[in-house]
Amino acid sequence: MLTRIDLRGRDFAGAGADPRTLLPRAQLDVSQAVEQIRPLVEGVRVHGVEAIREATHRFDGVQSQSLRVPAEVIKEAEQALEPQVRAALLEAIARTRKVHADQRRTDHTTQVVPGGTVTERWLPVSRVGLYVPGGLAVYPSTVVMNVVPAQAAGVESLVVVSPPQRETGLPDARVLAACSLLGVDEVYGVGGAQAVAMLAYGSRGSADPTRELSPADDCAPVDLITGPGNVWVTAAKRLVRGVVGIDAEAGPTEIAILADDTADPAHVAADLISQAEHDPMAASVLVTDSTALAEAVDAQLAVRVARTKHSERVTTALSGPQSGVVLVDSVEAGLRVVDAYAAEHLEIQTRDARAVAMRVRNAGAIFVGAYAPVSLGDYCAGSNHVLPTAGCARHSSGLSVQSFLRGVHIVEYDEAALREVAHHVVALANAEDLPAHGEAVTARFERESAA
């Protein structure tokens, strides 16, 4: 089922040696999707709620009477929640809050010189739009992962958008229940590119921005959009980037497992399947120096895939070009491969797993040892499951409290401190042929010079 890529005997340690082109990866053409949804996004910008309703009917098969979910419906969803799911969500919230509370940065003042200080303040974004997918699966856990760090950052206004279900015309009841448990009452049954456009531009439309709208249809623009979605959501986020901030352009989910002959093939196979279950384009990659393990994992997959609920979806993902087994000469070589791959989720199932994990440079999140599967991080580890995909872990981080904060420098210099450095400012301003920059400093001492 899994394609084998044999990198044994190859040296990737030298300059210019890069295994990235040899590794499996999902092919996602966001640029093409951008052009396809550009008219839709522009329609929402100009026409607002009418364009949102039309797109919702066309793509979701829902003729919505109002965009916003009534507060009483959100509360009722919580009250109807199965007790075991409620308990699990509350535990996930508590653990996620515990981890994210420790991420909040504090303001710091540096005295550069006597009379001259720079203070770095960390200020939360004012209004945030949180996208919660609702396609092949529903994700109340993603509500937790988006809302908790935003609340920890001190964001004052949170709005959740999630696709309406054809049967009810509302987002999934478990998503609504999670919103209620977290105290979020501004929720819209809007998904896809139209939801991203609504968050970026609001629902009034530029054609008549002063018109009266029903409160149930009046969504104000946000400053930042976070949360994963399909290719259309990703394309829309790319289009509105600059109008608003975005967290990342999320692609299909992916897991890489670096394992040696100490790994349990049943664990490895189960974890590969767990991510393949998300989407036919999901990537599951095993990197190992043990041919015996690779064969044992194949045998486990043959049994486990056949009996899993979403076997057809899993089979498509595991047999696709984005998944495979990568054979390497050693764990050391495997480290170079997984660093080049920069997986969204990376499991380390080797001898001295923590020591190996601490040497990894590129991964969205790292799961250490036999008892820290990715599924734990998806729900109840306390970590965040909104993570960089498609190799973006080489330069980007997962969602955290910092995603919702902006660092602002406050510069305070008194007269003596400015005078002391004035000649350096003038010298640099003149070197850059920007003399007025220097004059803005010397103007403060002109009377003194004239006297």
Protein backbone atom coordinates (compact mmCIF):
# COMPACT_ATOMS: atom_id res chain seq x y z
CA MET A 1 0.00 0.00 0.00
CA LEU A 2 2.79 2.42 0.92
CA THR A 3 5.24 3.28 -1.84
CA ARG A 4 8.88 2.68 -0.87
CA ILE A 5 11.56 5.28 -1.45
CA ASP A 6 15.05 3.87 -0.90
CA LEU A 7 17.51 6.58 0.15
CA ARG A 8 20.06 4.18 1.57
CA GLY A 9 23.59 4.87 0.42
CA ARG A 10 22.87 8.54 -0.25
CA ASP A 11 24.75 11.26 1.59
CA PHE A 12 22.60 14.27 2.44
CA ALA A 13 25.11 15.80 4.85
CA GLY A 14 27.08 17.83 2.31
CA ALA A 15 26.41 21.33 1.08
CA GLY A 16 23.70 21.44 -1.55
CA ALA A 17 22.50 17.91 -0.73
CA ASP A 18 18.76 18.18 -0.23
CA PRO A 19 16.37 15.20 -0.17
CA ARG A 20 13.24 17.35 -0.44
CA THR A 21 12.66 16.64 -4.11
CA LEU A 22 12.83 12.89 -3.44
CA LEU A 23 10.26 12.82 -0.65
CA PRO A 24 6.51 12.28 -0.98
CA ARG A 25 4.38 15.41 -0.73
CA ALA A 26 0.79 16.30 -1.52
CA GLN A 27 0.46 18.42 -4.65
CA LEU A 28 -1.89 21.32 -3.98
CA ASP A 29 -2.27 24.06 -6.60
CA VAL A 30 -3.48 26.99 -4.52
CA SER A 31 -2.70 29.47 -7.30
CA GLN A 32 -5.24 27.85 -9.62
CA ALA A 33 -7.82 27.81 -6.83
CA VAL A 34 -7.18 31.52 -6.20
CA GLU A 35 -8.24 32.41 -9.72
CA GLN A 36 -11.33 30.24 -9.48
CA ILE A 37 -12.62 31.85 -6.29
CA ARG A 38 -11.49 35.42 -7.00
CA PRO A 39 -14.94 36.43 -8.42
CA LEU A 40 -16.66 34.97 -5.35
CA VAL A 41 -14.42 36.89 -2.92
CA GLU A 42 -14.86 40.08 -4.95
CA GLY A 43 -18.62 39.54 -4.97
CA VAL A 44 -18.69 39.37 -1.17
CA ARG A 45 -16.54 42.49 -0.95
CA VAL A 46 -18.93 44.47 -3.15
CA HIS A 47 -22.36 42.95 -2.44
CA GLY A 48 -21.95 41.57 1.06
CA VAL A 49 -24.72 39.43 2.51
CA GLU A 50 -26.43 38.75 -0.83
CA ALA A 51 -23.25 37.27 -2.29
CA ILE A 52 -22.65 35.27 0.90
CA ARG A 53 -26.15 33.80 0.76
CA GLU A 54 -25.85 32.95 -2.93
CA ALA A 55 -22.52 31.15 -2.41
CA THR A 56 -23.85 29.30 0.63
CA HIS A 57 -26.81 28.05 -1.40
CA ARG A 58 -24.65 27.10 -4.36
CA PHE A 59 -21.90 25.24 -2.47
CA ASP A 60 -23.59 24.02 0.71
CA GLY A 61 -27.14 23.56 -0.53
CA VAL A 62 -28.43 25.75 2.29
CA GLN A 63 -30.82 28.68 1.87
CA SER A 64 -30.01 30.57 5.06
CA GLN A 65 -32.54 32.92 6.58
CA SER A 66 -29.88 34.56 8.74
CA LEU A 67 -26.12 34.27 8.79
CA ARG A 68 -25.62 34.42 12.54
CA VAL A 69 -26.57 31.50 14.74
CA PRO A 70 -29.02 32.59 17.47
CA ALA A 71 -27.52 32.61 20.97
CA GLU A 72 -30.22 30.29 22.27
CA VAL A 73 -29.38 27.71 19.59
CA ILE A 74 -25.72 27.75 20.66
CA LYS A 75 -26.74 27.23 24.29
CA GLU A 76 -29.16 24.46 23.38
CA ALA A 77 -26.38 22.65 21.52
CA GLU A 78 -24.30 22.62 24.69
CA GLN A 79 -27.21 21.35 26.78
CA ALA A 80 -27.84 18.53 24.30
CA LEU A 81 -24.20 17.45 24.20
CA GLU A 82 -23.50 13.82 25.06
CA PRO A 83 -22.05 13.67 28.60
CA GLN A 84 -18.88 11.86 27.54
CA VAL A 85 -18.21 14.35 24.75
CA ARG A 86 -18.87 17.26 27.11
CA ALA A 87 -16.42 15.83 29.64
CA ALA A 88 -13.80 15.29 26.94
CA LEU A 89 -14.17 18.83 25.61
CA LEU A 90 -13.90 20.32 29.09
CA GLU A 91 -10.73 18.30 29.71
CA ALA A 92 -9.29 19.42 26.36
CA ILE A 93 -10.12 23.05 27.21
CA ALA A 94 -8.51 22.80 30.65
CA ARG A 95 -5.28 21.24 29.35
CA THR A 96 -5.04 23.61 26.42
CA ARG A 97 -5.58 26.60 28.69
CA LYS A 98 -2.88 25.36 31.06
CA VAL A 99 -0.28 25.16 28.29
CA HIS A 100 -1.27 28.38 26.55
CA ALA A 101 -1.41 30.42 29.76
CA ASP A 102 2.36 29.99 30.02
CA GLN A 103 2.88 31.42 26.52
CA ARG A 104 1.70 34.97 27.29
CA ARG A 105 4.60 37.40 26.93
CA THR A 106 5.04 40.27 29.35
CA ASP A 107 6.02 43.86 28.59
CA HIS A 108 9.70 44.65 29.03
CA THR A 109 11.56 47.96 29.27
CA THR A 110 15.22 48.24 28.27
CA GLN A 111 17.29 51.21 29.41
CA VAL A 112 19.46 51.86 26.37
CA VAL A 113 21.24 54.87 27.94
CA PRO A 114 20.43 57.09 30.93
CA GLY A 115 17.25 58.93 29.92
CA GLY A 116 16.58 56.65 26.95
CA THR A 117 14.38 53.58 27.09
CA VAL A 118 12.56 51.26 24.71
CA THR A 119 9.57 49.34 26.03
CA GLU A 120 8.18 46.41 24.11
CA ARG A 121 4.45 46.02 24.75
CA TRP A 122 2.48 42.98 23.65
CA LEU A 123 -0.98 44.00 22.54
CA PRO A 124 -3.73 41.60 21.44
CA VAL A 125 -5.44 41.88 18.09
CA SER A 126 -8.84 43.54 18.61
CA ARG A 127 -11.10 41.24 16.57
CA VAL A 128 -10.37 37.76 15.27
CA GLY A 129 -12.24 35.44 12.91
CA LEU A 130 -11.79 31.74 13.65
CA TYR A 131 -12.51 29.26 10.84
CA VAL A 132 -13.71 25.78 11.85
CA PRO A 133 -13.93 23.24 8.99
CA GLY A 134 -16.98 21.07 8.42
CA GLY A 135 -16.33 18.86 5.41
CA LEU A 136 -15.52 15.15 5.64
CA ALA A 137 -15.38 15.49 9.42
CA VAL A 138 -16.51 18.02 12.04
CA TYR A 139 -14.06 19.64 14.40
CA PRO A 140 -15.22 20.88 17.80
CA SER A 141 -11.61 20.35 18.87
CA THR A 142 -10.55 23.05 16.41
CA VAL A 143 -12.83 25.49 18.21
CA VAL A 144 -10.80 24.78 21.34
CA MET A 145 -7.46 25.14 19.56
CA ASN A 146 -8.38 28.51 18.03
CA VAL A 147 -10.37 30.10 20.84
CA VAL A 148 -8.19 29.22 23.84
CA PRO A 149 -4.97 30.96 22.67
CA ALA A 150 -6.97 33.96 21.45
CA GLN A 151 -8.61 34.29 24.85
CA ALA A 152 -5.26 33.83 26.61
CA ALA A 153 -3.86 36.65 24.47
CA GLY A 154 -6.69 38.94 25.58
CA VAL A 155 -8.55 39.25 22.26
CA GLU A 156 -11.77 41.14 23.02
CA SER A 157 -13.92 40.13 20.06
CA LEU A 158 -14.03 36.56 18.75
CA VAL A 159 -16.20 35.34 15.89
CA VAL A 160 -16.41 31.72 14.75
CA VAL A 161 -17.47 30.71 11.24
CA SER A 162 -18.23 27.14 10.22
CA PRO A 163 -20.11 25.64 7.24
CA PRO A 164 -23.84 25.02 7.69
CA GLN A 165 -24.98 21.42 7.50
CA ARG A 166 -27.49 20.68 4.74
CA GLU A 167 -29.87 18.95 7.16
CA THR A 168 -30.13 21.78 9.71
CA GLY A 169 -28.87 24.91 7.98
CA LEU A 170 -26.58 25.39 10.99
CA PRO A 171 -22.98 24.50 11.83
CA ASP A 172 -22.54 21.09 13.42
CA ALA A 173 -24.12 20.96 16.88
CA ARG A 174 -20.86 19.80 18.48
CA VAL A 175 -19.05 22.83 17.07
CA LEU A 176 -21.77 25.06 18.49
CA ALA A 177 -21.53 23.28 21.84
CA ALA A 178 -17.78 23.86 21.98
CA CYS A 179 -18.37 27.56 21.29
CA SER A 180 -20.84 27.69 24.18
CA LEU A 181 -18.43 25.96 26.57
CA LEU A 182 -15.82 28.58 25.69
CA GLY A 183 -18.18 31.53 25.99
CA VAL A 184 -18.22 32.41 22.28
CA ASP A 185 -21.65 33.61 21.16
CA GLU A 186 -20.88 35.26 17.80
CA VAL A 187 -21.07 32.33 15.41
CA TYR A 188 -22.00 32.34 11.72
CA GLY A 189 -23.20 29.41 9.65
CA VAL A 190 -20.97 30.33 6.73
CA GLY A 191 -18.11 28.26 5.31
CA GLY A 192 -15.69 28.10 2.43
CA ALA A 193 -14.22 31.06 0.58
CA GLN A 194 -17.34 33.14 1.26
CA ALA A 195 -16.73 32.86 5.02
CA VAL A 196 -13.15 34.09 4.65
CA ALA A 197 -14.30 36.97 2.46
CA MET A 198 -17.02 37.88 4.96
CA LEU A 199 -14.49 37.96 7.79
CA ALA A 200 -12.13 40.13 5.78
CA TYR A 201 -14.65 42.63 4.36
CA GLY A 202 -17.69 42.28 6.57
CA SER A 203 -21.17 41.49 5.32
CA ARG A 204 -22.38 45.00 4.37
CA GLY A 205 -20.67 45.22 0.99
CA SER A 206 -18.83 48.23 -0.42
CA ALA A 207 -21.67 49.02 -2.86
CA ASP A 208 -23.74 50.43 0.01
CA PRO A 209 -21.73 50.30 3.26
CA THR A 210 -24.19 52.48 5.21
CA ARG A 211 -27.28 50.37 4.55
CA GLU A 212 -29.25 48.91 7.40
CA LEU A 213 -28.78 45.19 7.98
CA SER A 214 -30.50 42.86 10.37
CA PRO A 215 -28.23 42.18 13.39
CA ALA A 216 -28.39 38.53 12.39
CA ASP A 217 -26.73 39.35 9.05
CA ASP A 218 -24.35 42.12 10.13
CA CYS A 219 -20.83 40.73 10.56
CA ALA A 220 -18.16 43.37 11.12
CA PRO A 221 -14.72 42.83 9.54
CA VAL A 222 -11.97 41.24 11.62
CA ASP A 223 -8.26 42.01 11.91
CA LEU A 224 -6.95 38.43 11.78
CA ILE A 225 -8.22 35.11 10.42
CA THR A 226 -7.03 31.80 11.83
CA GLY A 227 -7.96 28.17 11.46
CA PRO A 228 -7.50 25.39 8.89
CA GLY A 229 -9.68 24.67 5.88
CA ASN A 230 -9.76 23.11 2.43
CA VAL A 231 -8.05 24.45 -0.69
CA TRP A 232 -10.82 27.02 -1.28
CA VAL A 233 -10.43 28.40 2.22
CA THR A 234 -6.67 28.50 1.76
CA ALA A 235 -7.01 30.28 -1.58
CA ALA A 236 -9.37 32.86 -0.08
CA LYS A 237 -6.96 33.48 2.80
CA ARG A 238 -4.22 34.13 0.26
CA LEU A 239 -6.46 36.60 -1.57
CA VAL A 240 -7.38 38.65 1.51
CA ARG A 241 -3.94 38.58 3.11
CA GLY A 242 -2.95 42.20 3.57
CA VAL A 243 -6.53 43.29 4.07
CA VAL A 244 -6.38 41.15 7.20
CA GLY A 245 -3.70 39.04 8.81
CA ILE A 246 -3.80 35.26 8.43
CA ASP A 247 -2.17 32.54 10.48
CA ALA A 248 -1.05 30.33 7.58
CA GLU A 249 -2.06 28.68 4.33
CA ALA A 250 -2.93 25.22 5.61
CA GLY A 251 -2.63 22.27 3.24
CA PRO A 252 -3.64 18.62 3.70
CA THR A 253 -2.67 17.14 7.04
CA GLU A 254 0.51 15.09 7.30
CA ILE A 255 2.34 12.79 9.67
CA ALA A 256 5.94 11.63 9.51
CA ILE A 257 7.24 8.92 11.82
CA LEU A 258 10.95 8.42 12.40
CA ALA A 259 11.28 4.88 13.74
CA ASP A 260 13.92 2.21 14.28
CA ASP A 261 13.64 -1.50 15.06
CA THR A 262 12.43 -0.79 18.60
CA ALA A 263 9.14 0.66 17.33
CA ASP A 264 5.96 -1.40 17.56
CA PRO A 265 4.64 -1.87 14.00
CA ALA A 266 1.05 -1.90 15.28
CA HIS A 267 1.56 1.55 16.83
CA VAL A 268 3.18 2.90 13.67
CA ALA A 269 0.46 1.53 11.39
CA ALA A 270 -2.33 2.85 13.63
CA ASP A 271 -0.77 6.32 13.68
CA LEU A 272 -0.31 6.42 9.90
CA ILE A 273 -3.97 5.48 9.47
CA SER A 274 -5.11 8.08 12.00
CA GLN A 275 -3.92 10.95 9.82
CA ALA A 276 -4.91 9.30 6.52
CA GLU A 277 -8.45 9.25 7.93
CA HIS A 278 -8.70 13.04 7.58
CA ASP A 279 -8.65 13.35 3.82
CA PRO A 280 -7.79 11.41 0.65
CA MET A 281 -4.93 13.91 0.18
CA ALA A 282 -3.55 13.42 3.71
CA ALA A 283 0.10 12.38 3.85
CA SER A 284 1.45 9.52 5.98
CA VAL A 285 5.21 8.97 5.80
CA LEU A 286 7.38 6.46 7.65
CA VAL A 287 11.14 7.09 7.76
CA THR A 288 13.09 4.09 9.04
CA ASP A 289 16.42 2.30 8.93
CA SER A 290 14.70 -1.05 9.52
CA THR A 291 13.45 -3.02 6.54
CA ALA A 292 11.91 -5.50 8.97
CA LEU A 293 9.86 -2.72 10.57
CA ALA A 294 8.72 -1.47 7.17
CA GLU A 295 7.51 -4.94 6.23
CA ALA A 296 5.79 -5.44 9.57
CA VAL A 297 4.03 -2.08 9.22
CA ASP A 298 2.83 -3.08 5.75
CA ALA A 299 1.39 -6.27 7.22
CA GLN A 300 -0.36 -4.32 9.98
CA LEU A 301 -1.79 -1.86 7.47
CA ALA A 302 -3.27 -4.67 5.42
CA VAL A 303 -5.26 -5.76 8.45
CA ARG A 304 -6.09 -2.41 10.04
CA VAL A 305 -7.08 -0.44 6.94
CA ALA A 306 -9.65 -3.06 5.97
CA ARG A 307 -11.44 -2.78 9.30
CA THR A 308 -11.27 0.97 9.89
CA LYS A 309 -14.48 2.96 9.35
CA HIS A 310 -13.16 5.22 6.58
CA SER A 311 -11.14 2.51 4.80
CA GLU A 312 -11.73 3.87 1.30
CA ARG A 313 -10.52 7.35 2.26
CA VAL A 314 -7.56 5.90 4.16
CA THR A 315 -6.59 3.62 1.27
CA THR A 316 -6.61 6.55 -1.15
CA ALA A 317 -4.40 8.61 1.15
CA LEU A 318 -1.91 5.85 1.94
CA SER A 319 -1.54 4.75 -1.67
CA GLY A 320 -1.21 8.28 -3.03
CA PRO A 321 2.04 9.98 -4.05
CA GLN A 322 2.01 12.01 -0.83
CA SER A 323 2.52 8.91 1.36
CA GLY A 324 5.23 6.28 1.59
CA VAL A 325 8.04 4.52 3.42
CA VAL A 326 11.46 6.15 3.20
CA LEU A 327 14.33 3.75 3.87
CA VAL A 328 17.53 5.29 5.29
CA ASP A 329 20.86 3.95 6.52
CA SER A 330 20.53 5.11 10.11
CA VAL A 331 18.53 7.23 12.53
CA GLU A 332 21.12 9.94 11.91
CA ALA A 333 20.29 9.89 8.20
CA GLY A 334 16.61 9.76 9.10
CA LEU A 335 16.99 12.97 11.10
CA ARG A 336 18.28 14.75 8.02
CA VAL A 337 15.35 13.42 6.01
CA VAL A 338 12.64 14.47 8.50
CA ASP A 339 14.26 17.89 8.88
CA ALA A 340 14.06 18.31 5.11
CA TYR A 341 10.46 17.09 5.08
CA ALA A 342 9.44 19.44 7.95
CA ALA A 343 6.28 17.56 8.85
CA GLU A 344 3.19 19.06 10.41
CA HIS A 345 3.24 16.18 12.92
CA LEU A 346 6.45 14.25 13.60
CA GLU A 347 6.58 11.17 15.80
CA ILE A 348 9.88 9.85 17.13
CA GLN A 349 9.72 6.13 17.92
CA THR A 350 13.36 5.21 18.38
CA ARG A 351 15.85 4.34 21.10
CA ASP A 352 16.49 7.41 23.28
CA ALA A 353 13.48 9.05 21.62
CA ARG A 354 13.68 12.30 23.59
CA ALA A 355 17.36 12.80 22.74
CA VAL A 356 16.57 12.23 19.07
CA ALA A 357 13.56 14.57 19.24
CA MET A 358 15.64 17.37 20.74
CA ARG A 359 17.86 17.30 17.64
CA VAL A 360 14.95 17.91 15.24
CA ARG A 361 14.97 21.42 13.73
CA ASN A 362 11.89 21.40 11.52
CA ALA A 363 8.45 20.16 12.57
CA GLY A 364 5.11 21.66 13.52
CA ALA A 365 4.87 19.49 16.62
CA ILE A 366 7.01 16.57 17.81
CA PHE A 367 5.57 13.53 19.60
CA VAL A 368 8.08 11.57 21.62
CA GLY A 369 8.00 7.85 22.28
CA ALA A 370 5.43 5.10 22.13
CA TYR A 371 2.82 6.82 24.30
CA ALA A 372 2.56 10.24 22.68
CA PRO A 373 0.64 9.61 19.43
CA VAL A 374 -0.49 12.49 17.22
CA SER A 375 -4.09 11.78 18.24
CA LEU A 376 -3.21 12.86 21.78
CA GLY A 377 -2.05 16.23 20.41
CA ASP A 378 -5.17 16.53 18.29
CA TYR A 379 -7.31 16.59 21.41
CA CYS A 380 -5.93 16.42 24.92
CA ALA A 381 -2.16 16.89 25.16
CA GLY A 382 -2.55 20.61 25.86
CA SER A 383 -0.58 21.50 22.73
CA ASN A 384 -2.16 23.19 19.71
CA HIS A 385 -3.18 21.16 16.67
CA VAL A 386 -3.31 24.08 14.19
CA LEU A 387 0.14 23.54 12.68
CA PRO A 388 2.16 24.43 9.56
CA THR A 389 1.91 21.99 6.65
CA ALA A 390 3.61 21.41 3.28
CA GLY A 391 7.11 22.01 4.64
CA CYS A 392 6.22 25.40 6.14
CA ALA A 393 7.50 24.20 9.52
CA ARG A 394 10.94 25.20 8.19
CA HIS A 395 9.95 28.84 8.72
CA SER A 396 6.61 28.98 10.56
CA SER A 397 5.12 27.97 13.90
CA GLY A 398 1.82 26.50 14.90
CA LEU A 399 -1.00 28.54 16.37
CA SER A 400 -0.21 29.93 19.82
CA VAL A 401 -0.89 32.91 22.05
CA GLN A 402 1.78 34.79 20.07
CA SER A 403 -0.34 34.43 16.92
CA PHE A 404 -2.82 36.89 18.44
CA LEU A 405 -0.30 39.40 19.85
CA ARG A 406 1.58 42.31 18.29
CA GLY A 407 4.82 43.66 19.68
CA VAL A 408 4.80 47.48 19.84
CA HIS A 409 7.91 49.47 20.76
CA ILE A 410 7.47 52.55 22.93
CA VAL A 411 10.47 54.86 22.62
CA GLU A 412 11.16 57.41 25.37
CA TYR A 413 14.26 59.66 25.25
CA ASP A 414 14.82 62.84 27.23
CA GLU A 415 16.67 65.89 25.93
CA ALA A 416 20.09 64.85 27.17
CA ALA A 417 19.78 61.34 25.75
CA LEU A 418 18.76 62.67 22.32
CA ARG A 419 21.55 65.26 22.29
CA GLU A 420 24.11 62.59 23.09
CA VAL A 421 23.20 60.49 20.03
CA ALA A 422 22.17 63.30 17.65
CA HIS A 423 25.42 63.36 15.67
CA HIS A 424 25.09 59.62 14.92
CA VAL A 425 21.52 60.09 13.66
CA VAL A 426 22.66 62.96 11.42
CA ALA A 427 25.59 60.93 10.06
CA LEU A 428 23.38 57.98 9.13
CA ALA A 429 20.65 60.22 7.69
CA ASN A 430 23.18 61.98 5.44
CA ALA A 431 24.72 58.65 4.41
CA GLU A 432 21.29 57.56 3.19
CA ASP A 433 20.67 60.95 1.51
CA LEU A 434 17.76 61.65 3.84
CA PRO A 435 18.97 64.93 5.40
CA ALA A 436 15.55 65.91 6.70
CA HIS A 437 15.75 62.93 9.04
CA GLY A 438 18.79 64.47 10.67
CA GLU A 439 17.22 67.94 10.65
CA ALA A 440 14.25 66.56 12.61
CA VAL A 441 16.76 65.92 15.40
CA THR A 442 18.92 69.07 15.13
CA ALA A 443 15.80 71.28 14.97
CA ARG A 444 15.28 70.52 18.64
CA PHE A 445 18.57 72.24 19.50
CA GLU A 446 18.50 75.18 17.03
CA ARG A 447 17.74 77.88 19.63
CA GLU A 448 20.51 76.60 21.77
CA SER A 449 22.96 76.78 18.81
CA ALA A 450 21.79 80.28 17.83
CA ALA A 451 22.38 81.54 21.36
